[in-house]
């Protein structure tokens, strides 16, 4: 089984006092949590330009659902989708 990063840190710093090792482990864990949080927020945040682009595309597409087309029965719809 591969040792965890915390185990590797503890082994590498085994010549230091337990208090110092704990401080280093806590620092590393804190940095990892901050990095993960930054990566998640970067993935979920959207720039205002991207938001405006998506909104304009949706505004162009939305009126399409309001257009009236020919009446189609469910049977015709199924034939169109699945063939007959």
PDB file of N, CA and C in Angstrom:
ATOM      1  N   UNK A   1       0.848  -1.171   0.000  1.00  0.00           N
ATOM      2  CA  UNK A   1       0.000   0.000   0.000  1.00  0.00           C
ATOM      3  C   UNK A   1       0.900   1.243   0.000  1.00  0.00           C
ATOM      4  N   UNK A   2       0.559   2.182  -0.837  1.00  0.00           N
ATOM      5  CA  UNK A   2       1.347   3.405  -0.965  1.00  0.00           C
ATOM      6  C   UNK A   2       1.107   4.305   0.254  1.00  0.00           C
ATOM      7  N   UNK A   3       2.184   4.847   0.822  1.00  0.00           N
ATOM      8  CA  UNK A   3       1.992   5.727   1.980  1.00  0.00           C
ATOM      9  C   UNK A   3       1.306   7.026   1.567  1.00  0.00           C
ATOM     10  N   UNK A   4       0.519   7.565   2.484  1.00  0.00           N
ATOM     11  CA  UNK A   4      -0.164   8.824   2.218  1.00  0.00           C
ATOM     12  C   UNK A   4       0.838   9.966   2.291  1.00  0.00           C
ATOM     13  N   UNK A   5       0.515  11.101   1.691  1.00  0.00           N
ATOM     14  CA  UNK A   5       1.428  12.249   1.788  1.00  0.00           C
ATOM     15  C   UNK A   5       1.743  12.617   3.235  1.00  0.00           C
ATOM     16  N   UNK A   6       0.750  12.519   4.102  1.00  0.00           N
ATOM     17  CA  UNK A   6       1.000  12.838   5.508  1.00  0.00           C
ATOM     18  C   UNK A   6       2.016  11.885   6.119  1.00  0.00           C
ATOM     19  N   UNK A   7       1.919  10.607   5.784  1.00  0.00           N
ATOM     20  CA  UNK A   7       2.883   9.632   6.292  1.00  0.00           C
ATOM     21  C   UNK A   7       4.282   9.921   5.755  1.00  0.00           C
ATOM     22  N   UNK A   8       4.359  10.311   4.486  1.00  0.00           N
ATOM     23  CA  UNK A   8       5.655  10.632   3.900  1.00  0.00           C
ATOM     24  C   UNK A   8       6.272  11.854   4.569  1.00  0.00           C
ATOM     25  N   UNK A   9       5.444  12.852   4.863  1.00  0.00           N
ATOM     26  CA  UNK A   9       5.941  14.048   5.540  1.00  0.00           C
ATOM     27  C   UNK A   9       6.453  13.682   6.924  1.00  0.00           C
ATOM     28  N   UNK A  10       5.674  12.906   7.647  1.00  0.00           N
ATOM     29  CA  UNK A  10       6.084  12.510   8.997  1.00  0.00           C
ATOM     30  C   UNK A  10       7.396  11.722   8.963  1.00  0.00           C
ATOM     31  N   UNK A  11       7.563  10.857   7.971  1.00  0.00           N
ATOM     32  CA  UNK A  11       8.798  10.072   7.865  1.00  0.00           C
ATOM     33  C   UNK A  11       9.981  10.977   7.534  1.00  0.00           C
ATOM     34  N   UNK A  12       9.772  11.918   6.599  1.00  0.00           N
ATOM     35  CA  UNK A  12      10.865  12.806   6.194  1.00  0.00           C
ATOM     36  C   UNK A  12      11.280  13.740   7.326  1.00  0.00           C
ATOM     37  N   UNK A  13      10.333  14.084   8.191  1.00  0.00           N
ATOM     38  CA  UNK A  13      10.630  15.020   9.275  1.00  0.00           C
ATOM     39  C   UNK A  13      10.769  14.320  10.624  1.00  0.00           C
ATOM     40  N   UNK A  14      11.066  13.052  10.602  1.00  0.00           N
ATOM     41  CA  UNK A  14      11.106  12.273  11.844  1.00  0.00           C
ATOM     42  C   UNK A  14      12.156  12.775  12.827  1.00  0.00           C
ATOM     43  N   UNK A  15      13.170  13.497  12.358  1.00  0.00           N
ATOM     44  CA  UNK A  15      14.192  14.004  13.268  1.00  0.00           C
ATOM     45  C   UNK A  15      13.767  15.285  13.995  1.00  0.00           C
ATOM     46  N   UNK A  16      12.635  15.873  13.598  1.00  0.00           N
ATOM     47  CA  UNK A  16      12.114  17.066  14.265  1.00  0.00           C
ATOM     48  C   UNK A  16      11.227  16.670  15.438  1.00  0.00           C
ATOM     49  N   UNK A  17      10.909  17.635  16.265  1.00  0.00           N
ATOM     50  CA  UNK A  17      10.023  17.361  17.402  1.00  0.00           C
ATOM     51  C   UNK A  17       8.606  17.098  16.882  1.00  0.00           C
ATOM     52  N   UNK A  18       7.828  16.407  17.682  1.00  0.00           N
ATOM     53  CA  UNK A  18       6.449  16.075  17.294  1.00  0.00           C
ATOM     54  C   UNK A  18       5.637  17.342  17.058  1.00  0.00           C
ATOM     55  N   UNK A  19       5.899  18.377  17.841  1.00  0.00           N
ATOM     56  CA  UNK A  19       5.183  19.652  17.702  1.00  0.00           C
ATOM     57  C   UNK A  19       5.482  20.287  16.349  1.00  0.00           C
ATOM     58  N   UNK A  20       6.760  20.244  15.931  1.00  0.00           N
ATOM     59  CA  UNK A  20       7.143  20.822  14.640  1.00  0.00           C
ATOM     60  C   UNK A  20       6.558  20.012  13.480  1.00  0.00           C
ATOM     61  N   UNK A  21       6.568  18.694  13.618  1.00  0.00           N
ATOM     62  CA  UNK A  21       6.002  17.841  12.574  1.00  0.00           C
ATOM     63  C   UNK A  21       4.515  18.133  12.410  1.00  0.00           C
ATOM     64  N   UNK A  22       3.800  18.269  13.537  1.00  0.00           N
ATOM     65  CA  UNK A  22       2.369  18.581  13.474  1.00  0.00           C
ATOM     66  C   UNK A  22       2.132  19.923  12.796  1.00  0.00           C
ATOM     67  N   UNK A  23       2.991  20.892  13.078  1.00  0.00           N
ATOM     68  CA  UNK A  23       2.850  22.214  12.470  1.00  0.00           C
ATOM     69  C   UNK A  23       3.011  22.126  10.955  1.00  0.00           C
ATOM     70  N   UNK A  24       3.993  21.347  10.496  1.00  0.00           N
ATOM     71  CA  UNK A  24       4.223  21.199   9.060  1.00  0.00           C
ATOM     72  C   UNK A  24       3.057  20.459   8.415  1.00  0.00           C
ATOM     73  N   UNK A  25       2.592  19.397   9.027  1.00  0.00           N
ATOM     74  CA  UNK A  25       1.463  18.629   8.494  1.00  0.00           C
ATOM     75  C   UNK A  25       0.228  19.513   8.410  1.00  0.00           C
ATOM     76  N   UNK A  26      -0.031  20.299   9.447  1.00  0.00           N
ATOM     77  CA  UNK A  26      -1.191  21.204   9.424  1.00  0.00           C
ATOM     78  C   UNK A  26      -1.055  22.245   8.325  1.00  0.00           C
ATOM     79  N   UNK A  27       0.155  22.765   8.130  1.00  0.00           N
ATOM     80  CA  UNK A  27       0.393  23.739   7.069  1.00  0.00           C
ATOM     81  C   UNK A  27       0.116  23.126   5.699  1.00  0.00           C
ATOM     82  N   UNK A  28       0.637  21.935   5.463  1.00  0.00           N
ATOM     83  CA  UNK A  28       0.436  21.260   4.176  1.00  0.00           C
ATOM     84  C   UNK A  28      -1.046  20.980   3.947  1.00  0.00           C
ATOM     85  N   UNK A  29      -1.732  20.493   4.964  1.00  0.00           N
ATOM     86  CA  UNK A  29      -3.169  20.225   4.821  1.00  0.00           C
ATOM     87  C   UNK A  29      -3.943  21.512   4.526  1.00  0.00           C
ATOM     88  N   UNK A  30      -3.570  22.593   5.203  1.00  0.00           N
ATOM     89  CA  UNK A  30      -4.230  23.876   4.974  1.00  0.00           C
ATOM     90  C   UNK A  30      -4.011  24.357   3.548  1.00  0.00           C
ATOM     91  N   UNK A  31      -2.784  24.243   3.061  1.00  0.00           N
ATOM     92  CA  UNK A  31      -2.483  24.663   1.691  1.00  0.00           C
ATOM     93  C   UNK A  31      -3.243  23.819   0.673  1.00  0.00           C
ATOM     94  N   UNK A  32      -3.329  22.523   0.929  1.00  0.00           N
ATOM     95  CA  UNK A  32      -4.070  21.636   0.017  1.00  0.00           C
ATOM     96  C   UNK A  32      -5.550  21.999  -0.015  1.00  0.00           C
ATOM     97  N   UNK A  33      -6.136  22.293   1.140  1.00  0.00           N
ATOM     98  CA  UNK A  33      -7.545  22.670   1.194  1.00  0.00           C
ATOM     99  C   UNK A  33      -7.788  23.979   0.454  1.00  0.00           C
ATOM    100  N   UNK A  34      -6.885  24.952   0.644  1.00  0.00           N
ATOM    101  CA  UNK A  34      -7.039  26.228  -0.053  1.00  0.00           C
ATOM    102  C   UNK A  34      -6.916  26.042  -1.555  1.00  0.00           C
ATOM    103  N   UNK A  35      -5.997  25.179  -1.976  1.00  0.00           N
ATOM    104  CA  UNK A  35      -5.809  24.936  -3.406  1.00  0.00           C
ATOM    105  C   UNK A  35      -7.046  24.276  -3.995  1.00  0.00           C
ATOM    106  N   UNK A  36      -7.591  23.270  -3.296  1.00  0.00           N
ATOM    107  CA  UNK A  36      -8.802  22.601  -3.772  1.00  0.00           C
ATOM    108  C   UNK A  36      -9.967  23.583  -3.863  1.00  0.00           C
ATOM    109  N   UNK A  37     -10.104  24.435  -2.849  1.00  0.00           N
ATOM    110  CA  UNK A  37     -11.189  25.417  -2.847  1.00  0.00           C
ATOM    111  C   UNK A  37     -11.024  26.402  -4.009  1.00  0.00           C
ATOM    112  N   UNK A  38      -9.793  26.808  -4.275  1.00  0.00           N
ATOM    113  CA  UNK A  38      -9.549  27.733  -5.378  1.00  0.00           C
ATOM    114  C   UNK A  38      -9.854  27.078  -6.713  1.00  0.00           C
ATOM    115  N   UNK A  39      -9.508  25.804  -6.849  1.00  0.00           N
ATOM    116  CA  UNK A  39      -9.782  25.094  -8.097  1.00  0.00           C
ATOM    117  C   UNK A  39     -11.283  24.935  -8.311  1.00  0.00           C
ATOM    118  N   UNK A  40     -12.014  24.624  -7.256  1.00  0.00           N
ATOM    119  CA  UNK A  40     -13.466  24.450  -7.366  1.00  0.00           C
ATOM    120  C   UNK A  40     -14.123  25.776  -7.710  1.00  0.00           C
ATOM    121  N   UNK A  41     -13.716  26.851  -7.039  1.00  0.00           N
ATOM    122  CA  UNK A  41     -14.346  28.140  -7.324  1.00  0.00           C
ATOM    123  C   UNK A  41     -13.991  28.622  -8.722  1.00  0.00           C
ATOM    124  N   UNK A  42     -12.793  28.299  -9.205  1.00  0.00           N
ATOM    125  CA  UNK A  42     -12.411  28.684 -10.562  1.00  0.00           C
ATOM    126  C   UNK A  42     -13.249  27.928 -11.584  1.00  0.00           C
ATOM    127  N   UNK A  43     -13.605  26.680 -11.262  1.00  0.00           N
ATOM    128  CA  UNK A  43     -14.415  25.878 -12.179  1.00  0.00           C
ATOM    129  C   UNK A  43     -15.861  26.356 -12.208  1.00  0.00           C
ATOM    130  N   UNK A  44     -16.355  26.837 -11.077  1.00  0.00           N
ATOM    131  CA  UNK A  44     -17.765  27.193 -11.005  1.00  0.00           C
ATOM    132  C   UNK A  44     -18.034  28.653 -11.351  1.00  0.00           C
ATOM    133  N   UNK A  45     -17.028  29.496 -11.231  1.00  0.00           N
ATOM    134  CA  UNK A  45     -17.232  30.908 -11.547  1.00  0.00           C
ATOM    135  C   UNK A  45     -17.265  31.111 -13.058  1.00  0.00           C
ATOM    136  N   UNK A  46     -18.090  32.054 -13.467  1.00  0.00           N
ATOM    137  CA  UNK A  46     -18.219  32.348 -14.882  1.00  0.00           C
ATOM    138  C   UNK A  46     -17.944  33.835 -15.071  1.00  0.00           C
ATOM    139  N   UNK A  47     -17.154  34.148 -16.056  1.00  0.00           N
ATOM    140  CA  UNK A  47     -16.856  35.555 -16.307  1.00  0.00           C
ATOM    141  C   UNK A  47     -18.116  36.260 -16.789  1.00  0.00           C
ATOM    142  N   UNK A  48     -18.133  37.571 -16.607  1.00  0.00           N
ATOM    143  CA  UNK A  48     -19.313  38.324 -17.032  1.00  0.00           C
ATOM    144  C   UNK A  48     -19.462  38.284 -18.552  1.00  0.00           C
ATOM    145  N   UNK A  49     -18.339  38.211 -19.266  1.00  0.00           N
ATOM    146  CA  UNK A  49     -18.410  38.125 -20.729  1.00  0.00           C
ATOM    147  C   UNK A  49     -19.032  36.794 -21.158  1.00  0.00           C
ATOM    148  N   UNK A  50     -18.636  35.721 -20.489  1.00  0.00           N
ATOM    149  CA  UNK A  50     -19.198  34.404 -20.815  1.00  0.00           C
ATOM    150  C   UNK A  50     -20.687  34.367 -20.465  1.00  0.00           C
ATOM    151  N   UNK A  51     -21.034  34.946 -19.345  1.00  0.00           N
ATOM    152  CA  UNK A  51     -22.446  35.008 -18.937  1.00  0.00           C
ATOM    153  C   UNK A  51     -23.268  35.778 -19.968  1.00  0.00           C
ATOM    154  N   UNK A  52     -22.744  36.900 -20.428  1.00  0.00           N
ATOM    155  CA  UNK A  52     -23.452  37.711 -21.432  1.00  0.00           C
ATOM    156  C   UNK A  52     -23.588  36.947 -22.745  1.00  0.00           C
ATOM    157  N   UNK A  53     -22.544  36.208 -23.129  1.00  0.00           N
ATOM    158  CA  UNK A  53     -22.585  35.432 -24.373  1.00  0.00           C
ATOM    159  C   UNK A  53     -23.664  34.356 -24.293  1.00  0.00           C
ATOM    160  N   UNK A  54     -23.700  33.632 -23.188  1.00  0.00           N
ATOM    161  CA  UNK A  54     -24.685  32.562 -23.029  1.00  0.00           C
ATOM    162  C   UNK A  54     -26.096  33.141 -22.991  1.00  0.00           C
ATOM    163  N   UNK A  55     -26.257  34.256 -22.288  1.00  0.00           N
ATOM    164  CA  UNK A  55     -27.581  34.888 -22.220  1.00  0.00           C
ATOM    165  C   UNK A  55     -28.060  35.331 -23.596  1.00  0.00           C
ATOM    166  N   UNK A  56     -27.163  35.879 -24.404  1.00  0.00           N
ATOM    167  CA  UNK A  56     -27.582  36.323 -25.737  1.00  0.00           C
ATOM    168  C   UNK A  56     -27.957  35.144 -26.627  1.00  0.00           C
ATOM    169  N   UNK A  57     -27.248  34.043 -26.500  1.00  0.00           N
ATOM    170  CA  UNK A  57     -27.593  32.852 -27.281  1.00  0.00           C
ATOM    171  C   UNK A  57     -28.955  32.319 -26.844  1.00  0.00           C
ATOM    172  N   UNK A  58     -29.192  32.276 -25.542  1.00  0.00           N
ATOM    173  CA  UNK A  58     -30.494  31.808 -25.060  1.00  0.00           C
ATOM    174  C   UNK A  58     -31.618  32.737 -25.505  1.00  0.00           C
ATOM    175  N   UNK A  59     -31.350  34.034 -25.515  1.00  0.00           N
ATOM    176  CA  UNK A  59     -32.358  34.992 -25.984  1.00  0.00           C
ATOM    177  C   UNK A  59     -32.692  34.771 -27.456  1.00  0.00           C
ATOM    178  N   UNK A  60     -31.714  34.338 -28.242  1.00  0.00           N
ATOM    179  CA  UNK A  60     -31.966  34.075 -29.661  1.00  0.00           C
ATOM    180  C   UNK A  60     -32.754  32.781 -29.863  1.00  0.00           C
ATOM    181  N   UNK A  61     -32.537  31.811 -28.996  1.00  0.00           N
ATOM    182  CA  UNK A  61     -33.166  30.499 -29.143  1.00  0.00           C
ATOM    183  C   UNK A  61     -34.580  30.477 -28.560  1.00  0.00           C
ATOM    184  N   UNK A  62     -34.823  31.222 -27.508  1.00  0.00           N
ATOM    185  CA  UNK A  62     -36.115  31.176 -26.807  1.00  0.00           C
ATOM    186  C   UNK A  62     -37.316  31.414 -27.715  1.00  0.00           C
ATOM    187  N   UNK A  63     -37.293  32.368 -28.650  1.00  0.00           N
ATOM    188  CA  UNK A  63     -38.483  32.591 -29.496  1.00  0.00           C
ATOM    189  C   UNK A  63     -38.823  31.404 -30.392  1.00  0.00           C
ATOM    190  N   UNK A  64     -37.874  30.515 -30.619  1.00  0.00           N
ATOM    191  CA  UNK A  64     -38.157  29.361 -31.477  1.00  0.00           C
ATOM    192  C   UNK A  64     -39.267  28.491 -30.890  1.00  0.00           C
ATOM    193  N   UNK A  65     -39.350  28.426 -29.577  1.00  0.00           N
ATOM    194  CA  UNK A  65     -40.381  27.586 -28.958  1.00  0.00           C
ATOM    195  C   UNK A  65     -41.765  28.208 -29.084  1.00  0.00           C
ATOM    196  N   UNK A  66     -41.849  29.470 -29.445  1.00  0.00           N
ATOM    197  CA  UNK A  66     -43.132  30.145 -29.577  1.00  0.00           C
ATOM    198  C   UNK A  66     -43.701  30.046 -30.988  1.00  0.00           C
ATOM    199  N   UNK A  67     -42.894  29.604 -31.929  1.00  0.00           N
ATOM    200  CA  UNK A  67     -43.353  29.510 -33.314  1.00  0.00           C
ATOM    201  C   UNK A  67     -44.402  28.418 -33.443  1.00  0.00           C
ATOM    202  N   UNK A  68     -45.388  28.686 -34.268  1.00  0.00           N
ATOM    203  CA  UNK A  68     -46.442  27.701 -34.519  1.00  0.00           C
ATOM    204  C   UNK A  68     -46.074  26.893 -35.751  1.00  0.00           C
ATOM    205  N   UNK A  69     -46.174  25.604 -35.622  1.00  0.00           N
ATOM    206  CA  UNK A  69     -45.914  24.723 -36.742  1.00  0.00           C
ATOM    207  C   UNK A  69     -47.156  23.940 -37.073  1.00  0.00           C
ATOM    208  N   UNK A  70     -47.056  23.060 -38.035  1.00  0.00           N
ATOM    209  CA  UNK A  70     -48.226  22.258 -38.392  1.00  0.00           C
ATOM    210  C   UNK A  70     -48.582  21.303 -37.252  1.00  0.00           C
ATOM    211  N   UNK A  71     -49.863  21.006 -37.157  1.00  0.00           N
ATOM    212  CA  UNK A  71     -50.305  20.057 -36.142  1.00  0.00           C
ATOM    213  C   UNK A  71     -49.758  18.679 -36.474  1.00  0.00           C
ATOM    214  N   UNK A  72     -49.262  18.010 -35.470  1.00  0.00           N
ATOM    215  CA  UNK A  72     -48.671  16.685 -35.668  1.00  0.00           C
ATOM    216  C   UNK A  72     -49.259  15.760 -34.611  1.00  0.00           C
ATOM    217  N   UNK A  73     -49.734  14.612 -35.037  1.00  0.00           N
ATOM    218  CA  UNK A  73     -50.265  13.652 -34.072  1.00  0.00           C
ATOM    219  C   UNK A  73     -49.092  12.893 -33.451  1.00  0.00           C
ATOM    220  N   UNK A  74     -49.351  12.282 -32.316  1.00  0.00           N
ATOM    221  CA  UNK A  74     -48.302  11.487 -31.678  1.00  0.00           C
ATOM    222  C   UNK A  74     -47.883  10.328 -32.575  1.00  0.00           C
ATOM    223  N   UNK A  75     -48.832   9.790 -33.336  1.00  0.00           N
ATOM    224  CA  UNK A  75     -48.512   8.684 -34.231  1.00  0.00           C
ATOM    225  C   UNK A  75     -47.514   9.146 -35.293  1.00  0.00           C
ATOM    226  N   UNK A  76     -47.748  10.330 -35.864  1.00  0.00           N
ATOM    227  CA  UNK A  76     -46.802  10.863 -36.849  1.00  0.00           C
ATOM    228  C   UNK A  76     -45.441  11.109 -36.217  1.00  0.00           C
ATOM    229  N   UNK A  77     -45.483  11.587 -34.999  1.00  0.00           N
ATOM    230  CA  UNK A  77     -44.238  11.858 -34.287  1.00  0.00           C
ATOM    231  C   UNK A  77     -43.446  10.572 -34.085  1.00  0.00           C
ATOM    232  N   UNK A  78     -44.128   9.510 -33.660  1.00  0.00           N
ATOM    233  CA  UNK A  78     -43.452   8.234 -33.446  1.00  0.00           C
ATOM    234  C   UNK A  78     -42.918   7.669 -34.756  1.00  0.00           C
ATOM    235  N   UNK A  79     -43.672   7.805 -35.836  1.00  0.00           N
ATOM    236  CA  UNK A  79     -43.195   7.333 -37.141  1.00  0.00           C
ATOM    237  C   UNK A  79     -41.938   8.105 -37.545  1.00  0.00           C
ATOM    238  N   UNK A  80     -41.954   9.399 -37.299  1.00  0.00           N
ATOM    239  CA  UNK A  80     -40.811  10.223 -37.656  1.00  0.00           C
ATOM    240  C   UNK A  80     -39.575   9.802 -36.872  1.00  0.00           C
ATOM    241  N   UNK A  81     -39.762   9.548 -35.580  1.00  0.00           N
ATOM    242  CA  UNK A  81     -38.627   9.196 -34.733  1.00  0.00           C
ATOM    243  C   UNK A  81     -38.144   7.771 -34.968  1.00  0.00           C
ATOM    244  N   UNK A  82     -39.088   6.829 -35.029  1.00  0.00           N
ATOM    245  CA  UNK A  82     -38.725   5.413 -35.027  1.00  0.00           C
ATOM    246  C   UNK A  82     -38.955   4.707 -36.361  1.00  0.00           C
ATOM    247  N   UNK A  83     -39.516   5.417 -37.302  1.00  0.00           N
ATOM    248  CA  UNK A  83     -39.811   4.774 -38.592  1.00  0.00           C
ATOM    249  C   UNK A  83     -41.040   3.892 -38.475  1.00  0.00           C
ATOM    250  N   UNK A  84     -41.534   3.445 -39.621  1.00  0.00           N
ATOM    251  CA  UNK A  84     -42.708   2.572 -39.553  1.00  0.00           C
ATOM    252  C   UNK A  84     -42.593   1.445 -40.537  1.00  0.00           C
TER     253      UNK A  84
END
